[in-house]
Amino acid sequence: MSFLDYAMKLISGTSTTTVTCPTCGFKSTQPVSKIRLRQAMLCPKCKALFVVPR
């Protein structure tokens, strides 16, 4: 693993943002890396899976 890979992993692991669930409207904090990689997120309130558009 190069130094740049390590730095990107370190930075992306600590950043979070607030995301609104499209099903129930609940706002929760999710990692920015999931949004950037377009991974599915789980709503903690209604347990719906969703992907945030960019």
PDB file of N, CA and C in Angstrom:
ATOM      1  N   MET A   1       0.845  -1.165   0.000  1.00  0.00           N
ATOM      2  CA  MET A   1       0.000   0.000   0.000  1.00  0.00           C
ATOM      3  C   MET A   1       0.896   1.235   0.000  1.00  0.00           C
ATOM      4  N   SER A   2       0.634   2.137  -0.915  1.00  0.00           N
ATOM      5  CA  SER A   2       1.445   3.338  -1.004  1.00  0.00           C
ATOM      6  C   SER A   2       1.013   4.368   0.041  1.00  0.00           C
ATOM      7  N   PHE A   3       1.819   5.373   0.202  1.00  0.00           N
ATOM      8  CA  PHE A   3       1.522   6.439   1.153  1.00  0.00           C
ATOM      9  C   PHE A   3       0.231   7.149   0.763  1.00  0.00           C
ATOM     10  N   LEU A   4       0.013   7.371  -0.515  1.00  0.00           N
ATOM     11  CA  LEU A   4      -1.201   8.050  -0.979  1.00  0.00           C
ATOM     12  C   LEU A   4      -2.445   7.219  -0.682  1.00  0.00           C
ATOM     13  N   ASP A   5      -2.382   5.919  -0.899  1.00  0.00           N
ATOM     14  CA  ASP A   5      -3.511   5.041  -0.575  1.00  0.00           C
ATOM     15  C   ASP A   5      -3.826   5.086   0.917  1.00  0.00           C
ATOM     16  N   TYR A   6      -2.783   5.062   1.733  1.00  0.00           N
ATOM     17  CA  TYR A   6      -2.967   5.117   3.177  1.00  0.00           C
ATOM     18  C   TYR A   6      -3.612   6.440   3.596  1.00  0.00           C
ATOM     19  N   ALA A   7      -3.153   7.542   3.019  1.00  0.00           N
ATOM     20  CA  ALA A   7      -3.701   8.861   3.355  1.00  0.00           C
ATOM     21  C   ALA A   7      -5.167   8.972   2.935  1.00  0.00           C
ATOM     22  N   MET A   8      -5.507   8.484   1.763  1.00  0.00           N
ATOM     23  CA  MET A   8      -6.901   8.539   1.293  1.00  0.00           C
ATOM     24  C   MET A   8      -7.804   7.682   2.170  1.00  0.00           C
ATOM     25  N   LYS A   9      -7.323   6.537   2.592  1.00  0.00           N
ATOM     26  CA  LYS A   9      -8.108   5.663   3.459  1.00  0.00           C
ATOM     27  C   LYS A   9      -8.329   6.317   4.815  1.00  0.00           C
ATOM     28  N   LEU A  10      -7.314   6.970   5.324  1.00  0.00           N
ATOM     29  CA  LEU A  10      -7.402   7.650   6.606  1.00  0.00           C
ATOM     30  C   LEU A  10      -8.384   8.817   6.546  1.00  0.00           C
ATOM     31  N   ILE A  11      -8.321   9.599   5.493  1.00  0.00           N
ATOM     32  CA  ILE A  11      -9.210  10.759   5.341  1.00  0.00           C
ATOM     33  C   ILE A  11     -10.640  10.324   5.099  1.00  0.00           C
ATOM     34  N   SER A  12     -10.862   9.362   4.242  1.00  0.00           N
ATOM     35  CA  SER A  12     -12.222   8.951   3.891  1.00  0.00           C
ATOM     36  C   SER A  12     -12.917   8.227   5.033  1.00  0.00           C
ATOM     37  N   GLY A  13     -12.180   7.617   5.932  1.00  0.00           N
ATOM     38  CA  GLY A  13     -12.775   6.889   7.035  1.00  0.00           C
ATOM     39  C   GLY A  13     -13.313   7.781   8.137  1.00  0.00           C
ATOM     40  N   THR A  14     -12.882   9.033   8.188  1.00  0.00           N
ATOM     41  CA  THR A  14     -13.282   9.904   9.279  1.00  0.00           C
ATOM     42  C   THR A  14     -14.353  10.902   8.884  1.00  0.00           C
ATOM     43  N   SER A  15     -14.651  11.058   7.622  1.00  0.00           N
ATOM     44  CA  SER A  15     -15.613  12.052   7.173  1.00  0.00           C
ATOM     45  C   SER A  15     -17.021  11.485   7.179  1.00  0.00           C
ATOM     46  N   THR A  16     -17.954  12.234   7.764  1.00  0.00           N
ATOM     47  CA  THR A  16     -19.357  11.837   7.752  1.00  0.00           C
ATOM     48  C   THR A  16     -20.203  13.023   7.299  1.00  0.00           C
ATOM     49  N   THR A  17     -21.388  12.730   6.842  1.00  0.00           N
ATOM     50  CA  THR A  17     -22.331  13.752   6.431  1.00  0.00           C
ATOM     51  C   THR A  17     -23.736  13.325   6.816  1.00  0.00           C
ATOM     52  N   THR A  18     -24.660  14.260   6.821  1.00  0.00           N
ATOM     53  CA  THR A  18     -26.048  13.967   7.154  1.00  0.00           C
ATOM     54  C   THR A  18     -26.800  13.625   5.867  1.00  0.00           C
ATOM     55  N   VAL A  19     -27.515  12.507   5.902  1.00  0.00           N
ATOM     56  CA  VAL A  19     -28.256  12.010   4.746  1.00  0.00           C
ATOM     57  C   VAL A  19     -29.707  11.806   5.164  1.00  0.00           C
ATOM     58  N   THR A  20     -30.642  12.157   4.268  1.00  0.00           N
ATOM     59  CA  THR A  20     -32.062  11.981   4.540  1.00  0.00           C
ATOM     60  C   THR A  20     -32.575  10.729   3.838  1.00  0.00           C
ATOM     61  N   CYS A  21     -33.264   9.877   4.582  1.00  0.00           N
ATOM     62  CA  CYS A  21     -33.837   8.652   4.024  1.00  0.00           C
ATOM     63  C   CYS A  21     -34.987   9.018   3.086  1.00  0.00           C
ATOM     64  N   PRO A  22     -34.993   8.497   1.854  1.00  0.00           N
ATOM     65  CA  PRO A  22     -36.082   8.811   0.927  1.00  0.00           C
ATOM     66  C   PRO A  22     -37.408   8.147   1.303  1.00  0.00           C
ATOM     67  N   THR A  23     -37.381   7.129   2.133  1.00  0.00           N
ATOM     68  CA  THR A  23     -38.601   6.418   2.518  1.00  0.00           C
ATOM     69  C   THR A  23     -39.321   7.105   3.672  1.00  0.00           C
ATOM     70  N   CYS A  24     -38.605   7.347   4.775  1.00  0.00           N
ATOM     71  CA  CYS A  24     -39.268   7.890   5.966  1.00  0.00           C
ATOM     72  C   CYS A  24     -38.881   9.332   6.285  1.00  0.00           C
ATOM     73  N   GLY A  25     -37.844   9.866   5.654  1.00  0.00           N
ATOM     74  CA  GLY A  25     -37.421  11.237   5.890  1.00  0.00           C
ATOM     75  C   GLY A  25     -36.515  11.423   7.091  1.00  0.00           C
ATOM     76  N   PHE A  26     -36.066  10.340   7.713  1.00  0.00           N
ATOM     77  CA  PHE A  26     -35.189  10.413   8.887  1.00  0.00           C
ATOM     78  C   PHE A  26     -33.797  10.852   8.452  1.00  0.00           C
ATOM     79  N   LYS A  27     -33.194  11.771   9.202  1.00  0.00           N
ATOM     80  CA  LYS A  27     -31.844  12.249   8.902  1.00  0.00           C
ATOM     81  C   LYS A  27     -30.848  11.518   9.792  1.00  0.00           C
ATOM     82  N   SER A  28     -29.821  10.936   9.171  1.00  0.00           N
ATOM     83  CA  SER A  28     -28.799  10.209   9.905  1.00  0.00           C
ATOM     84  C   SER A  28     -27.426  10.549   9.344  1.00  0.00           C
ATOM     85  N   THR A  29     -26.394  10.284  10.122  1.00  0.00           N
ATOM     86  CA  THR A  29     -25.033  10.513   9.645  1.00  0.00           C
ATOM     87  C   THR A  29     -24.520   9.243   8.978  1.00  0.00           C
ATOM     88  N   GLN A  30     -23.890   9.420   7.842  1.00  0.00           N
ATOM     89  CA  GLN A  30     -23.337   8.307   7.066  1.00  0.00           C
ATOM     90  C   GLN A  30     -21.937   8.699   6.601  1.00  0.00           C
ATOM     91  N   PRO A  31     -21.070   7.730   6.382  1.00  0.00           N
ATOM     92  CA  PRO A  31     -19.719   8.022   5.883  1.00  0.00           C
ATOM     93  C   PRO A  31     -19.753   8.589   4.455  1.00  0.00           C
ATOM     94  N   VAL A  32     -18.916   9.572   4.217  1.00  0.00           N
ATOM     95  CA  VAL A  32     -18.828  10.183   2.888  1.00  0.00           C
ATOM     96  C   VAL A  32     -18.321   9.170   1.866  1.00  0.00           C
ATOM     97  N   SER A  33     -17.502   8.238   2.303  1.00  0.00           N
ATOM     98  CA  SER A  33     -16.960   7.241   1.376  1.00  0.00           C
ATOM     99  C   SER A  33     -18.071   6.393   0.761  1.00  0.00           C
ATOM    100  N   LYS A  34     -19.149   6.115   1.497  1.00  0.00           N
ATOM    101  CA  LYS A  34     -20.260   5.341   0.942  1.00  0.00           C
ATOM    102  C   LYS A  34     -20.961   6.120  -0.169  1.00  0.00           C
ATOM    103  N   ILE A  35     -21.086   7.430   0.004  1.00  0.00           N
ATOM    104  CA  ILE A  35     -21.726   8.248  -1.029  1.00  0.00           C
ATOM    105  C   ILE A  35     -20.830   8.300  -2.258  1.00  0.00           C
ATOM    106  N   ARG A  36     -19.530   8.492  -2.039  1.00  0.00           N
ATOM    107  CA  ARG A  36     -18.595   8.599  -3.160  1.00  0.00           C
ATOM    108  C   ARG A  36     -18.525   7.297  -3.955  1.00  0.00           C
ATOM    109  N   LEU A  37     -18.587   6.158  -3.268  1.00  0.00           N
ATOM    110  CA  LEU A  37     -18.522   4.857  -3.936  1.00  0.00           C
ATOM    111  C   LEU A  37     -19.888   4.337  -4.366  1.00  0.00           C
ATOM    112  N   ARG A  38     -20.935   5.119  -4.093  1.00  0.00           N
ATOM    113  CA  ARG A  38     -22.323   4.775  -4.445  1.00  0.00           C
ATOM    114  C   ARG A  38     -22.734   3.435  -3.827  1.00  0.00           C
ATOM    115  N   GLN A  39     -22.423   3.252  -2.555  1.00  0.00           N
ATOM    116  CA  GLN A  39     -22.800   2.045  -1.834  1.00  0.00           C
ATOM    117  C   GLN A  39     -24.151   2.259  -1.164  1.00  0.00           C
ATOM    118  N   ALA A  40     -24.861   1.171  -0.947  1.00  0.00           N
ATOM    119  CA  ALA A  40     -26.158   1.236  -0.288  1.00  0.00           C
ATOM    120  C   ALA A  40     -25.988   1.591   1.178  1.00  0.00           C
ATOM    121  N   MET A  41     -26.912   2.437   1.673  1.00  0.00           N
ATOM    122  CA  MET A  41     -26.920   2.837   3.080  1.00  0.00           C
ATOM    123  C   MET A  41     -28.183   2.318   3.735  1.00  0.00           C
ATOM    124  N   LEU A  42     -28.101   2.053   5.020  1.00  0.00           N
ATOM    125  CA  LEU A  42     -29.219   1.517   5.783  1.00  0.00           C
ATOM    126  C   LEU A  42     -29.764   2.603   6.692  1.00  0.00           C
ATOM    127  N   CYS A  43     -31.063   2.873   6.599  1.00  0.00           N
ATOM    128  CA  CYS A  43     -31.702   3.845   7.476  1.00  0.00           C
ATOM    129  C   CYS A  43     -31.835   3.217   8.867  1.00  0.00           C
ATOM    130  N   PRO A  44     -31.356   3.899   9.912  1.00  0.00           N
ATOM    131  CA  PRO A  44     -31.452   3.324  11.253  1.00  0.00           C
ATOM    132  C   PRO A  44     -32.875   3.289  11.803  1.00  0.00           C
ATOM    133  N   LYS A  45     -33.783   4.069  11.226  1.00  0.00           N
ATOM    134  CA  LYS A  45     -35.147   4.121  11.736  1.00  0.00           C
ATOM    135  C   LYS A  45     -36.048   3.072  11.081  1.00  0.00           C
ATOM    136  N   CYS A  46     -36.125   3.090   9.740  1.00  0.00           N
ATOM    137  CA  CYS A  46     -37.057   2.187   9.047  1.00  0.00           C
ATOM    138  C   CYS A  46     -36.369   0.983   8.403  1.00  0.00           C
ATOM    139  N   LYS A  47     -35.042   0.924   8.480  1.00  0.00           N
ATOM    140  CA  LYS A  47     -34.235  -0.183   7.943  1.00  0.00           C
ATOM    141  C   LYS A  47     -34.307  -0.316   6.417  1.00  0.00           C
ATOM    142  N   ALA A  48     -34.615   0.776   5.728  1.00  0.00           N
ATOM    143  CA  ALA A  48     -34.649   0.769   4.265  1.00  0.00           C
ATOM    144  C   ALA A  48     -33.239   0.925   3.714  1.00  0.00           C
ATOM    145  N   LEU A  49     -32.957   0.240   2.617  1.00  0.00           N
ATOM    146  CA  LEU A  49     -31.689   0.408   1.906  1.00  0.00           C
ATOM    147  C   LEU A  49     -31.885   1.432   0.795  1.00  0.00           C
ATOM    148  N   PHE A  50     -30.933   2.357   0.661  1.00  0.00           N
ATOM    149  CA  PHE A  50     -31.028   3.363  -0.394  1.00  0.00           C
ATOM    150  C   PHE A  50     -29.644   3.815  -0.794  1.00  0.00           C
ATOM    151  N   VAL A  51     -29.559   4.383  -1.990  1.00  0.00           N
ATOM    152  CA  VAL A  51     -28.310   4.949  -2.517  1.00  0.00           C
ATOM    153  C   VAL A  51     -28.563   6.428  -2.764  1.00  0.00           C
ATOM    154  N   VAL A  52     -27.677   7.274  -2.255  1.00  0.00           N
ATOM    155  CA  VAL A  52     -27.827   8.709  -2.414  1.00  0.00           C
ATOM    156  C   VAL A  52     -27.295   9.117  -3.782  1.00  0.00           C
ATOM    157  N   PRO A  53     -28.081   9.858  -4.577  1.00  0.00           N
ATOM    158  CA  PRO A  53     -27.564  10.333  -5.861  1.00  0.00           C
ATOM    159  C   PRO A  53     -26.538  11.427  -5.642  1.00  0.00           C
ATOM    160  N   ARG A  54     -25.589  11.563  -6.541  1.00  0.00           N
ATOM    161  CA  ARG A  54     -24.540  12.574  -6.395  1.00  0.00           C
ATOM    162  C   ARG A  54     -25.052  13.940  -6.662  1.00  0.00           C
TER     163      ARG A  54
END
